[in-house]
Amino acid sequence: MRRAREGYHYQPVPRVATEDTIENENERMAEELSGKISSLKYISIELGNEVRDQEKLLRGLDDDVDRSSGFLGKTMGRVLRLGKGNHNYYIFYLFLFSIFVFFLLYIILKFR
């Protein structure tokens, strides 16, 4: 009685297992296994497709990074070449322009 309350249910042991019941159980288990195999096949195919899509995306990203690093390298070379030149007055003009912009922003924000 105590076991019945704890979730224990009595299941009688079959006395004689006939070949029909064993064969039916085997067929049922084979069908279950076939369903599981087809599910695994579908999942593996979808995983393969996803891997191919991600690989294509990563290749594109790698190409974009290579192009941008080349562009950045050229730009840095131009900036360094400009800095080495005798055009130091450009820096002075840039400094004056930045002071003018900050002063203009200060006036706009102060009297607003």
PDB file of N, CA and C in Angstrom:
ATOM      1  N   MET A   1       0.814  -1.178   0.000  1.00  0.00           N
ATOM      2  CA  MET A   1       0.000   0.000   0.000  1.00  0.00           C
ATOM      3  C   MET A   1       0.870   1.260   0.000  1.00  0.00           C
ATOM      4  N   ARG A   2       1.938   1.193   0.709  1.00  0.00           N
ATOM      5  CA  ARG A   2       2.801   2.352   0.819  1.00  0.00           C
ATOM      6  C   ARG A   2       3.423   2.693  -0.539  1.00  0.00           C
ATOM      7  N   ARG A   3       3.791   1.715  -1.320  1.00  0.00           N
ATOM      8  CA  ARG A   3       4.407   1.944  -2.618  1.00  0.00           C
ATOM      9  C   ARG A   3       3.426   2.552  -3.610  1.00  0.00           C
ATOM     10  N   ALA A   4       2.190   2.223  -3.528  1.00  0.00           N
ATOM     11  CA  ALA A   4       1.184   2.749  -4.449  1.00  0.00           C
ATOM     12  C   ALA A   4       1.033   4.255  -4.276  1.00  0.00           C
ATOM     13  N   ARG A   5       1.201   4.744  -3.078  1.00  0.00           N
ATOM     14  CA  ARG A   5       1.077   6.189  -2.846  1.00  0.00           C
ATOM     15  C   ARG A   5       2.302   6.948  -3.360  1.00  0.00           C
ATOM     16  N   GLU A   6       3.444   6.340  -3.448  1.00  0.00           N
ATOM     17  CA  GLU A   6       4.671   7.005  -3.879  1.00  0.00           C
ATOM     18  C   GLU A   6       4.845   6.985  -5.398  1.00  0.00           C
ATOM     19  N   GLY A   7       3.868   6.538  -6.126  1.00  0.00           N
ATOM     20  CA  GLY A   7       3.970   6.507  -7.574  1.00  0.00           C
ATOM     21  C   GLY A   7       4.361   5.159  -8.130  1.00  0.00           C
ATOM     22  N   TYR A   8       4.426   4.162  -7.310  1.00  0.00           N
ATOM     23  CA  TYR A   8       4.759   2.822  -7.777  1.00  0.00           C
ATOM     24  C   TYR A   8       3.478   2.159  -8.251  1.00  0.00           C
ATOM     25  N   HIS A   9       3.484   1.712  -9.504  1.00  0.00           N
ATOM     26  CA  HIS A   9       2.310   1.030 -10.041  1.00  0.00           C
ATOM     27  C   HIS A   9       2.711  -0.394 -10.406  1.00  0.00           C
ATOM     28  N   TYR A  10       1.889  -1.281 -10.028  1.00  0.00           N
ATOM     29  CA  TYR A  10       2.149  -2.685 -10.292  1.00  0.00           C
ATOM     30  C   TYR A  10       1.859  -2.989 -11.749  1.00  0.00           C
ATOM     31  N   GLN A  11       2.829  -3.640 -12.404  1.00  0.00           N
ATOM     32  CA  GLN A  11       2.631  -4.098 -13.768  1.00  0.00           C
ATOM     33  C   GLN A  11       2.967  -5.573 -13.794  1.00  0.00           C
ATOM     34  N   PRO A  12       1.989  -6.370 -14.128  1.00  0.00           N
ATOM     35  CA  PRO A  12       2.241  -7.812 -14.133  1.00  0.00           C
ATOM     36  C   PRO A  12       3.208  -8.189 -15.251  1.00  0.00           C
ATOM     37  N   VAL A  13       4.037  -9.161 -14.977  1.00  0.00           N
ATOM     38  CA  VAL A  13       4.995  -9.661 -15.943  1.00  0.00           C
ATOM     39  C   VAL A  13       4.265 -10.651 -16.847  1.00  0.00           C
ATOM     40  N   PRO A  14       4.392 -10.471 -18.176  1.00  0.00           N
ATOM     41  CA  PRO A  14       3.712 -11.436 -19.052  1.00  0.00           C
ATOM     42  C   PRO A  14       4.301 -12.834 -18.865  1.00  0.00           C
ATOM     43  N   ARG A  15       3.442 -13.774 -18.822  1.00  0.00           N
ATOM     44  CA  ARG A  15       3.889 -15.152 -18.559  1.00  0.00           C
ATOM     45  C   ARG A  15       4.593 -15.755 -19.766  1.00  0.00           C
ATOM     46  N   VAL A  16       3.992 -15.665 -20.919  1.00  0.00           N
ATOM     47  CA  VAL A  16       4.594 -16.249 -22.109  1.00  0.00           C
ATOM     48  C   VAL A  16       4.564 -15.192 -23.202  1.00  0.00           C
ATOM     49  N   ALA A  17       5.739 -14.833 -23.685  1.00  0.00           N
ATOM     50  CA  ALA A  17       5.811 -13.857 -24.761  1.00  0.00           C
ATOM     51  C   ALA A  17       5.721 -14.587 -26.075  1.00  0.00           C
ATOM     52  N   THR A  18       4.699 -14.303 -26.790  1.00  0.00           N
ATOM     53  CA  THR A  18       4.528 -14.969 -28.078  1.00  0.00           C
ATOM     54  C   THR A  18       5.349 -14.257 -29.131  1.00  0.00           C
ATOM     55  N   GLU A  19       5.541 -14.933 -30.231  1.00  0.00           N
ATOM     56  CA  GLU A  19       6.343 -14.358 -31.307  1.00  0.00           C
ATOM     57  C   GLU A  19       5.637 -13.155 -31.926  1.00  0.00           C
ATOM     58  N   ASP A  20       4.315 -13.148 -31.953  1.00  0.00           N
ATOM     59  CA  ASP A  20       3.582 -12.018 -32.531  1.00  0.00           C
ATOM     60  C   ASP A  20       3.794 -10.749 -31.705  1.00  0.00           C
ATOM     61  N   THR A  21       3.713 -10.873 -30.404  1.00  0.00           N
ATOM     62  CA  THR A  21       3.897  -9.678 -29.581  1.00  0.00           C
ATOM     63  C   THR A  21       5.326  -9.147 -29.678  1.00  0.00           C
ATOM     64  N   ILE A  22       6.299 -10.045 -29.726  1.00  0.00           N
ATOM     65  CA  ILE A  22       7.697  -9.618 -29.863  1.00  0.00           C
ATOM     66  C   ILE A  22       7.914  -8.963 -31.215  1.00  0.00           C
ATOM     67  N   GLU A  23       7.341  -9.543 -32.273  1.00  0.00           N
ATOM     68  CA  GLU A  23       7.488  -8.973 -33.611  1.00  0.00           C
ATOM     69  C   GLU A  23       6.776  -7.631 -33.712  1.00  0.00           C
ATOM     70  N   ASN A  24       5.602  -7.504 -33.121  1.00  0.00           N
ATOM     71  CA  ASN A  24       4.888  -6.221 -33.131  1.00  0.00           C
ATOM     72  C   ASN A  24       5.676  -5.150 -32.388  1.00  0.00           C
ATOM     73  N   GLU A  25       6.251  -5.544 -31.266  1.00  0.00           N
ATOM     74  CA  GLU A  25       7.057  -4.585 -30.508  1.00  0.00           C
ATOM     75  C   GLU A  25       8.300  -4.186 -31.284  1.00  0.00           C
ATOM     76  N   ASN A  26       8.921  -5.135 -31.963  1.00  0.00           N
ATOM     77  CA  ASN A  26      10.093  -4.828 -32.783  1.00  0.00           C
ATOM     78  C   ASN A  26       9.731  -3.879 -33.926  1.00  0.00           C
ATOM     79  N   GLU A  27       8.586  -4.099 -34.561  1.00  0.00           N
ATOM     80  CA  GLU A  27       8.152  -3.228 -35.648  1.00  0.00           C
ATOM     81  C   GLU A  27       7.866  -1.819 -35.127  1.00  0.00           C
ATOM     82  N   ARG A  28       7.240  -1.741 -33.971  1.00  0.00           N
ATOM     83  CA  ARG A  28       6.948  -0.438 -33.384  1.00  0.00           C
ATOM     84  C   ARG A  28       8.253   0.305 -33.062  1.00  0.00           C
ATOM     85  N   MET A  29       9.191  -0.408 -32.481  1.00  0.00           N
ATOM     86  CA  MET A  29      10.473   0.202 -32.149  1.00  0.00           C
ATOM     87  C   MET A  29      11.242   0.596 -33.404  1.00  0.00           C
ATOM     88  N   ALA A  30      11.144  -0.207 -34.474  1.00  0.00           N
ATOM     89  CA  ALA A  30      11.806   0.110 -35.743  1.00  0.00           C
ATOM     90  C   ALA A  30      11.199   1.374 -36.350  1.00  0.00           C
ATOM     91  N   GLU A  31       9.868   1.531 -36.244  1.00  0.00           N
ATOM     92  CA  GLU A  31       9.224   2.739 -36.753  1.00  0.00           C
ATOM     93  C   GLU A  31       9.646   3.966 -35.955  1.00  0.00           C
ATOM     94  N   GLU A  32       9.734   3.829 -34.641  1.00  0.00           N
ATOM     95  CA  GLU A  32      10.204   4.936 -33.816  1.00  0.00           C
ATOM     96  C   GLU A  32      11.629   5.322 -34.187  1.00  0.00           C
ATOM     97  N   LEU A  33      12.477   4.311 -34.367  1.00  0.00           N
ATOM     98  CA  LEU A  33      13.869   4.549 -34.739  1.00  0.00           C
ATOM     99  C   LEU A  33      13.962   5.212 -36.111  1.00  0.00           C
ATOM    100  N   SER A  34      13.125   4.785 -37.040  1.00  0.00           N
ATOM    101  CA  SER A  34      13.104   5.385 -38.368  1.00  0.00           C
ATOM    102  C   SER A  34      12.708   6.855 -38.296  1.00  0.00           C
ATOM    103  N   GLY A  35      11.722   7.168 -37.460  1.00  0.00           N
ATOM    104  CA  GLY A  35      11.331   8.567 -37.287  1.00  0.00           C
ATOM    105  C   GLY A  35      12.448   9.394 -36.691  1.00  0.00           C
ATOM    106  N   LYS A  36      13.138   8.848 -35.706  1.00  0.00           N
ATOM    107  CA  LYS A  36      14.254   9.572 -35.089  1.00  0.00           C
ATOM    108  C   LYS A  36      15.395   9.773 -36.075  1.00  0.00           C
ATOM    109  N   ILE A  37      15.657   8.767 -36.894  1.00  0.00           N
ATOM    110  CA  ILE A  37      16.728   8.875 -37.891  1.00  0.00           C
ATOM    111  C   ILE A  37      16.393   9.944 -38.919  1.00  0.00           C
ATOM    112  N   SER A  38      15.133   9.982 -39.375  1.00  0.00           N
ATOM    113  CA  SER A  38      14.759  11.001 -40.355  1.00  0.00           C
ATOM    114  C   SER A  38      14.837  12.400 -39.735  1.00  0.00           C
ATOM    115  N   SER A  39      14.496  12.519 -38.464  1.00  0.00           N
ATOM    116  CA  SER A  39      14.629  13.819 -37.787  1.00  0.00           C
ATOM    117  C   SER A  39      16.096  14.232 -37.713  1.00  0.00           C
ATOM    118  N   LEU A  40      16.973  13.297 -37.357  1.00  0.00           N
ATOM    119  CA  LEU A  40      18.407  13.601 -37.297  1.00  0.00           C
ATOM    120  C   LEU A  40      18.963  13.964 -38.675  1.00  0.00           C
ATOM    121  N   LYS A  41      18.477  13.295 -39.707  1.00  0.00           N
ATOM    122  CA  LYS A  41      18.927  13.588 -41.066  1.00  0.00           C
ATOM    123  C   LYS A  41      18.529  15.009 -41.446  1.00  0.00           C
ATOM    124  N   TYR A  42      17.292  15.387 -41.148  1.00  0.00           N
ATOM    125  CA  TYR A  42      16.820  16.733 -41.460  1.00  0.00           C
ATOM    126  C   TYR A  42      17.641  17.779 -40.702  1.00  0.00           C
ATOM    127  N   ILE A  43      17.896  17.525 -39.425  1.00  0.00           N
ATOM    128  CA  ILE A  43      18.665  18.471 -38.615  1.00  0.00           C
ATOM    129  C   ILE A  43      20.086  18.609 -39.149  1.00  0.00           C
ATOM    130  N   SER A  44      20.713  17.487 -39.537  1.00  0.00           N
ATOM    131  CA  SER A  44      22.085  17.557 -40.043  1.00  0.00           C
ATOM    132  C   SER A  44      22.139  18.295 -41.384  1.00  0.00           C
ATOM    133  N   ILE A  45      21.136  18.128 -42.230  1.00  0.00           N
ATOM    134  CA  ILE A  45      21.094  18.859 -43.499  1.00  0.00           C
ATOM    135  C   ILE A  45      20.942  20.351 -43.235  1.00  0.00           C
ATOM    136  N   GLU A  46      20.062  20.718 -42.309  1.00  0.00           N
ATOM    137  CA  GLU A  46      19.873  22.127 -41.981  1.00  0.00           C
ATOM    138  C   GLU A  46      21.139  22.725 -41.356  1.00  0.00           C
ATOM    139  N   LEU A  47      21.833  21.951 -40.533  1.00  0.00           N
ATOM    140  CA  LEU A  47      23.096  22.422 -39.958  1.00  0.00           C
ATOM    141  C   LEU A  47      24.134  22.679 -41.053  1.00  0.00           C
ATOM    142  N   GLY A  48      24.206  21.782 -42.030  1.00  0.00           N
ATOM    143  CA  GLY A  48      25.131  21.966 -43.142  1.00  0.00           C
ATOM    144  C   GLY A  48      24.818  23.228 -43.929  1.00  0.00           C
ATOM    145  N   ASN A  49      23.521  23.469 -44.186  1.00  0.00           N
ATOM    146  CA  ASN A  49      23.125  24.686 -44.904  1.00  0.00           C
ATOM    147  C   ASN A  49      23.489  25.934 -44.105  1.00  0.00           C
ATOM    148  N   GLU A  50      23.254  25.895 -42.802  1.00  0.00           N
ATOM    149  CA  GLU A  50      23.568  27.042 -41.953  1.00  0.00           C
ATOM    150  C   GLU A  50      25.069  27.292 -41.923  1.00  0.00           C
ATOM    151  N   VAL A  51      25.870  26.236 -41.869  1.00  0.00           N
ATOM    152  CA  VAL A  51      27.332  26.386 -41.865  1.00  0.00           C
ATOM    153  C   VAL A  51      27.798  27.018 -43.175  1.00  0.00           C
ATOM    154  N   ARG A  52      27.224  26.589 -44.303  1.00  0.00           N
ATOM    155  CA  ARG A  52      27.603  27.180 -45.585  1.00  0.00           C
ATOM    156  C   ARG A  52      27.233  28.664 -45.638  1.00  0.00           C
ATOM    157  N   ASP A  53      26.052  29.011 -45.146  1.00  0.00           N
ATOM    158  CA  ASP A  53      25.640  30.416 -45.136  1.00  0.00           C
ATOM    159  C   ASP A  53      26.549  31.259 -44.243  1.00  0.00           C
ATOM    160  N   GLN A  54      26.889  30.736 -43.072  1.00  0.00           N
ATOM    161  CA  GLN A  54      27.761  31.477 -42.157  1.00  0.00           C
ATOM    162  C   GLN A  54      29.168  31.627 -42.740  1.00  0.00           C
ATOM    163  N   GLU A  55      29.646  30.590 -43.425  1.00  0.00           N
ATOM    164  CA  GLU A  55      30.973  30.662 -44.044  1.00  0.00           C
ATOM    165  C   GLU A  55      30.997  31.731 -45.138  1.00  0.00           C
ATOM    166  N   LYS A  56      29.927  31.796 -45.927  1.00  0.00           N
ATOM    167  CA  LYS A  56      29.831  32.811 -46.975  1.00  0.00           C
ATOM    168  C   LYS A  56      29.810  34.208 -46.358  1.00  0.00           C
ATOM    169  N   LEU A  57      29.073  34.371 -45.268  1.00  0.00           N
ATOM    170  CA  LEU A  57      29.007  35.653 -44.581  1.00  0.00           C
ATOM    171  C   LEU A  57      30.374  36.053 -44.023  1.00  0.00           C
ATOM    172  N   LEU A  58      31.077  35.099 -43.436  1.00  0.00           N
ATOM    173  CA  LEU A  58      32.406  35.390 -42.879  1.00  0.00           C
ATOM    174  C   LEU A  58      33.418  35.735 -43.968  1.00  0.00           C
ATOM    175  N   ARG A  59      33.320  35.067 -45.112  1.00  0.00           N
ATOM    176  CA  ARG A  59      34.226  35.412 -46.221  1.00  0.00           C
ATOM    177  C   ARG A  59      33.989  36.849 -46.675  1.00  0.00           C
ATOM    178  N   GLY A  60      32.715  37.224 -46.796  1.00  0.00           N
ATOM    179  CA  GLY A  60      32.398  38.597 -47.183  1.00  0.00           C
ATOM    180  C   GLY A  60      32.903  39.601 -46.169  1.00  0.00           C
ATOM    181  N   LEU A  61      32.755  39.275 -44.900  1.00  0.00           N
ATOM    182  CA  LEU A  61      33.238  40.158 -43.838  1.00  0.00           C
ATOM    183  C   LEU A  61      34.759  40.285 -43.895  1.00  0.00           C
ATOM    184  N   ASP A  62      35.442  39.182 -44.145  1.00  0.00           N
ATOM    185  CA  ASP A  62      36.897  39.201 -44.253  1.00  0.00           C
ATOM    186  C   ASP A  62      37.340  40.065 -45.427  1.00  0.00           C
ATOM    187  N   ASP A  63      36.644  39.953 -46.556  1.00  0.00           N
ATOM    188  CA  ASP A  63      36.977  40.788 -47.713  1.00  0.00           C
ATOM    189  C   ASP A  63      36.751  42.268 -47.405  1.00  0.00           C
ATOM    190  N   ASP A  64      35.662  42.579 -46.715  1.00  0.00           N
ATOM    191  CA  ASP A  64      35.387  43.977 -46.355  1.00  0.00           C
ATOM    192  C   ASP A  64      36.453  44.531 -45.428  1.00  0.00           C
ATOM    193  N   VAL A  65      36.886  43.731 -44.462  1.00  0.00           N
ATOM    194  CA  VAL A  65      37.936  44.179 -43.541  1.00  0.00           C
ATOM    195  C   VAL A  65      39.242  44.403 -44.290  1.00  0.00           C
ATOM    196  N   ASP A  66      39.566  43.515 -45.225  1.00  0.00           N
ATOM    197  CA  ASP A  66      40.791  43.693 -46.008  1.00  0.00           C
ATOM    198  C   ASP A  66      40.734  44.981 -46.824  1.00  0.00           C
ATOM    199  N   ARG A  67      39.578  45.250 -47.450  1.00  0.00           N
ATOM    200  CA  ARG A  67      39.446  46.479 -48.241  1.00  0.00           C
ATOM    201  C   ARG A  67      39.556  47.716 -47.352  1.00  0.00           C
ATOM    202  N   SER A  68      38.903  47.678 -46.196  1.00  0.00           N
ATOM    203  CA  SER A  68      38.940  48.851 -45.320  1.00  0.00           C
ATOM    204  C   SER A  68      40.332  49.066 -44.731  1.00  0.00           C
ATOM    205  N   SER A  69      41.048  47.980 -44.446  1.00  0.00           N
ATOM    206  CA  SER A  69      42.406  48.158 -43.915  1.00  0.00           C
ATOM    207  C   SER A  69      43.320  48.735 -44.988  1.00  0.00           C
ATOM    208  N   GLY A  70      43.128  48.350 -46.236  1.00  0.00           N
ATOM    209  CA  GLY A  70      43.912  48.948 -47.316  1.00  0.00           C
ATOM    210  C   GLY A  70      43.596  50.420 -47.480  1.00  0.00           C
ATOM    211  N   PHE A  71      42.316  50.766 -47.400  1.00  0.00           N
ATOM    212  CA  PHE A  71      41.895  52.166 -47.508  1.00  0.00           C
ATOM    213  C   PHE A  71      42.444  52.980 -46.347  1.00  0.00           C
ATOM    214  N   LEU A  72      42.385  52.420 -45.144  1.00  0.00           N
ATOM    215  CA  LEU A  72      42.907  53.113 -43.967  1.00  0.00           C
ATOM    216  C   LEU A  72      44.414  53.305 -44.064  1.00  0.00           C
ATOM    217  N   GLY A  73      45.123  52.306 -44.571  1.00  0.00           N
ATOM    218  CA  GLY A  73      46.572  52.432 -44.738  1.00  0.00           C
ATOM    219  C   GLY A  73      46.941  53.533 -45.711  1.00  0.00           C
ATOM    220  N   LYS A  74      46.202  53.616 -46.823  1.00  0.00           N
ATOM    221  CA  LYS A  74      46.470  54.683 -47.792  1.00  0.00           C
ATOM    222  C   LYS A  74      46.188  56.052 -47.178  1.00  0.00           C
ATOM    223  N   THR A  75      45.097  56.149 -46.436  1.00  0.00           N
ATOM    224  CA  THR A  75      44.742  57.423 -45.812  1.00  0.00           C
ATOM    225  C   THR A  75      45.791  57.838 -44.787  1.00  0.00           C
ATOM    226  N   MET A  76      46.257  56.901 -43.984  1.00  0.00           N
ATOM    227  CA  MET A  76      47.285  57.220 -42.994  1.00  0.00           C
ATOM    228  C   MET A  76      48.582  57.650 -43.683  1.00  0.00           C
ATOM    229  N   GLY A  77      48.915  57.024 -44.799  1.00  0.00           N
ATOM    230  CA  GLY A  77      50.098  57.436 -45.557  1.00  0.00           C
ATOM    231  C   GLY A  77      49.977  58.862 -46.053  1.00  0.00           C
ATOM    232  N   ARG A  78      48.789  59.231 -46.537  1.00  0.00           N
ATOM    233  CA  ARG A  78      48.569  60.601 -47.004  1.00  0.00           C
ATOM    234  C   ARG A  78      48.661  61.597 -45.852  1.00  0.00           C
ATOM    235  N   VAL A  79      48.079  61.238 -44.698  1.00  0.00           N
ATOM    236  CA  VAL A  79      48.137  62.137 -43.541  1.00  0.00           C
ATOM    237  C   VAL A  79      49.575  62.320 -43.092  1.00  0.00           C
ATOM    238  N   LEU A  80      50.343  61.250 -43.045  1.00  0.00           N
ATOM    239  CA  LEU A  80      51.745  61.371 -42.631  1.00  0.00           C
ATOM    240  C   LEU A  80      52.546  62.188 -43.634  1.00  0.00           C
ATOM    241  N   ARG A  81      52.264  62.011 -44.912  1.00  0.00           N
ATOM    242  CA  ARG A  81      52.963  62.784 -45.940  1.00  0.00           C
ATOM    243  C   ARG A  81      52.597  64.265 -45.826  1.00  0.00           C
ATOM    244  N   LEU A  82      51.325  64.551 -45.522  1.00  0.00           N
ATOM    245  CA  LEU A  82      50.899  65.930 -45.336  1.00  0.00           C
ATOM    246  C   LEU A  82      51.560  66.539 -44.102  1.00  0.00           C
ATOM    247  N   GLY A  83      51.696  65.737 -43.041  1.00  0.00           N
ATOM    248  CA  GLY A  83      52.328  66.238 -41.821  1.00  0.00           C
ATOM    249  C   GLY A  83      53.812  66.507 -41.994  1.00  0.00           C
ATOM    250  N   LYS A  84      54.470  65.769 -42.877  1.00  0.00           N
ATOM    251  CA  LYS A  84      55.908  65.964 -43.092  1.00  0.00           C
ATOM    252  C   LYS A  84      56.208  67.135 -44.013  1.00  0.00           C
ATOM    253  N   GLY A  85      55.212  67.592 -44.730  1.00  0.00           N
ATOM    254  CA  GLY A  85      55.424  68.700 -45.678  1.00  0.00           C
ATOM    255  C   GLY A  85      55.629  70.014 -44.964  1.00  0.00           C
ATOM    256  N   ASN A  86      55.924  71.020 -45.754  1.00  0.00           N
ATOM    257  CA  ASN A  86      56.175  72.356 -45.218  1.00  0.00           C
ATOM    258  C   ASN A  86      54.894  73.182 -45.145  1.00  0.00           C
ATOM    259  N   HIS A  87      53.765  72.548 -45.061  1.00  0.00           N
ATOM    260  CA  HIS A  87      52.481  73.242 -45.044  1.00  0.00           C
ATOM    261  C   HIS A  87      51.963  73.334 -43.611  1.00  0.00           C
ATOM    262  N   ASN A  88      52.760  73.872 -42.737  1.00  0.00           N
ATOM    263  CA  ASN A  88      52.376  73.950 -41.331  1.00  0.00           C
ATOM    264  C   ASN A  88      51.266  74.961 -41.089  1.00  0.00           C
ATOM    265  N   TYR A  89      51.054  75.872 -42.010  1.00  0.00           N
ATOM    266  CA  TYR A  89      50.003  76.863 -41.824  1.00  0.00           C
ATOM    267  C   TYR A  89      48.616  76.219 -41.917  1.00  0.00           C
ATOM    268  N   TYR A  90      48.491  75.051 -42.515  1.00  0.00           N
ATOM    269  CA  TYR A  90      47.200  74.356 -42.542  1.00  0.00           C
ATOM    270  C   TYR A  90      46.773  73.971 -41.120  1.00  0.00           C
ATOM    271  N   ILE A  91      47.714  73.578 -40.326  1.00  0.00           N
ATOM    272  CA  ILE A  91      47.411  73.218 -38.940  1.00  0.00           C
ATOM    273  C   ILE A  91      46.957  74.456 -38.177  1.00  0.00           C
ATOM    274  N   PHE A  92      47.581  75.579 -38.461  1.00  0.00           N
ATOM    275  CA  PHE A  92      47.177  76.823 -37.813  1.00  0.00           C
ATOM    276  C   PHE A  92      45.743  77.191 -38.213  1.00  0.00           C
ATOM    277  N   TYR A  93      45.427  77.061 -39.499  1.00  0.00           N
ATOM    278  CA  TYR A  93      44.066  77.355 -39.962  1.00  0.00           C
ATOM    279  C   TYR A  93      43.049  76.378 -39.337  1.00  0.00           C
ATOM    280  N   LEU A  94      43.427  75.151 -39.220  1.00  0.00           N
ATOM    281  CA  LEU A  94      42.546  74.163 -38.594  1.00  0.00           C
ATOM    282  C   LEU A  94      42.307  74.501 -37.129  1.00  0.00           C
ATOM    283  N   PHE A  95      43.346  74.916 -36.448  1.00  0.00           N
ATOM    284  CA  PHE A  95      43.219  75.322 -35.047  1.00  0.00           C
ATOM    285  C   PHE A  95      42.299  76.535 -34.921  1.00  0.00           C
ATOM    286  N   LEU A  96      42.470  77.531 -35.757  1.00  0.00           N
ATOM    287  CA  LEU A  96      41.604  78.710 -35.724  1.00  0.00           C
ATOM    288  C   LEU A  96      40.147  78.347 -36.048  1.00  0.00           C
ATOM    289  N   PHE A  97      39.961  77.499 -37.002  1.00  0.00           N
ATOM    290  CA  PHE A  97      38.611  77.070 -37.361  1.00  0.00           C
ATOM    291  C   PHE A  97      37.939  76.347 -36.199  1.00  0.00           C
ATOM    292  N   SER A  98      38.676  75.450 -35.522  1.00  0.00           N
ATOM    293  CA  SER A  98      38.087  74.724 -34.392  1.00  0.00           C
ATOM    294  C   SER A  98      37.746  75.666 -33.250  1.00  0.00           C
ATOM    295  N   ILE A  99      38.588  76.690 -33.000  1.00  0.00           N
ATOM    296  CA  ILE A  99      38.269  77.679 -31.957  1.00  0.00           C
ATOM    297  C   ILE A  99      37.013  78.453 -32.343  1.00  0.00           C
ATOM    298  N   PHE A 100      36.898  78.834 -33.606  1.00  0.00           N
ATOM    299  CA  PHE A 100      35.717  79.548 -34.080  1.00  0.00           C
ATOM    300  C   PHE A 100      34.457  78.712 -33.902  1.00  0.00           C
ATOM    301  N   VAL A 101      34.508  77.430 -34.246  1.00  0.00           N
ATOM    302  CA  VAL A 101      33.343  76.547 -34.111  1.00  0.00           C
ATOM    303  C   VAL A 101      32.963  76.395 -32.647  1.00  0.00           C
ATOM    304  N   PHE A 102      33.934  76.189 -31.774  1.00  0.00           N
ATOM    305  CA  PHE A 102      33.617  76.059 -30.345  1.00  0.00           C
ATOM    306  C   PHE A 102      33.037  77.366 -29.779  1.00  0.00           C
ATOM    307  N   PHE A 103      33.574  78.505 -30.219  1.00  0.00           N
ATOM    308  CA  PHE A 103      33.051  79.781 -29.772  1.00  0.00           C
ATOM    309  C   PHE A 103      31.621  79.984 -30.264  1.00  0.00           C
ATOM    310  N   LEU A 104      31.362  79.638 -31.500  1.00  0.00           N
ATOM    311  CA  LEU A 104      30.017  79.739 -32.063  1.00  0.00           C
ATOM    312  C   LEU A 104      29.036  78.841 -31.316  1.00  0.00           C
ATOM    313  N   LEU A 105      29.427  77.619 -31.014  1.00  0.00           N
ATOM    314  CA  LEU A 105      28.572  76.714 -30.239  1.00  0.00           C
ATOM    315  C   LEU A 105      28.328  77.247 -28.837  1.00  0.00           C
ATOM    316  N   TYR A 106      29.339  77.870 -28.245  1.00  0.00           N
ATOM    317  CA  TYR A 106      29.185  78.435 -26.905  1.00  0.00           C
ATOM    318  C   TYR A 106      28.152  79.564 -26.923  1.00  0.00           C
ATOM    319  N   ILE A 107      28.220  80.406 -27.925  1.00  0.00           N
ATOM    320  CA  ILE A 107      27.267  81.516 -28.022  1.00  0.00           C
ATOM    321  C   ILE A 107      25.850  80.985 -28.246  1.00  0.00           C
ATOM    322  N   ILE A 108      25.708  80.016 -29.122  1.00  0.00           N
ATOM    323  CA  ILE A 108      24.383  79.468 -29.409  1.00  0.00           C
ATOM    324  C   ILE A 108      23.779  78.804 -28.170  1.00  0.00           C
ATOM    325  N   LEU A 109      24.577  78.032 -27.460  1.00  0.00           N
ATOM    326  CA  LEU A 109      24.064  77.334 -26.299  1.00  0.00           C
ATOM    327  C   LEU A 109      23.844  78.272 -25.092  1.00  0.00           C
ATOM    328  N   LYS A 110      24.638  79.334 -25.003  1.00  0.00           N
ATOM    329  CA  LYS A 110      24.525  80.252 -23.868  1.00  0.00           C
ATOM    330  C   LYS A 110      23.250  81.095 -23.974  1.00  0.00           C
ATOM    331  N   PHE A 111      22.935  81.575 -25.142  1.00  0.00           N
ATOM    332  CA  PHE A 111      21.804  82.502 -25.326  1.00  0.00           C
ATOM    333  C   PHE A 111      20.553  81.799 -25.843  1.00  0.00           C
ATOM    334  N   ARG A 112      20.468  80.600 -25.734  1.00  0.00           N
ATOM    335  CA  ARG A 112      19.310  79.837 -26.201  1.00  0.00           C
ATOM    336  C   ARG A 112      18.272  79.743 -25.161  1.00  0.00           C
TER     337      ARG A 112
END
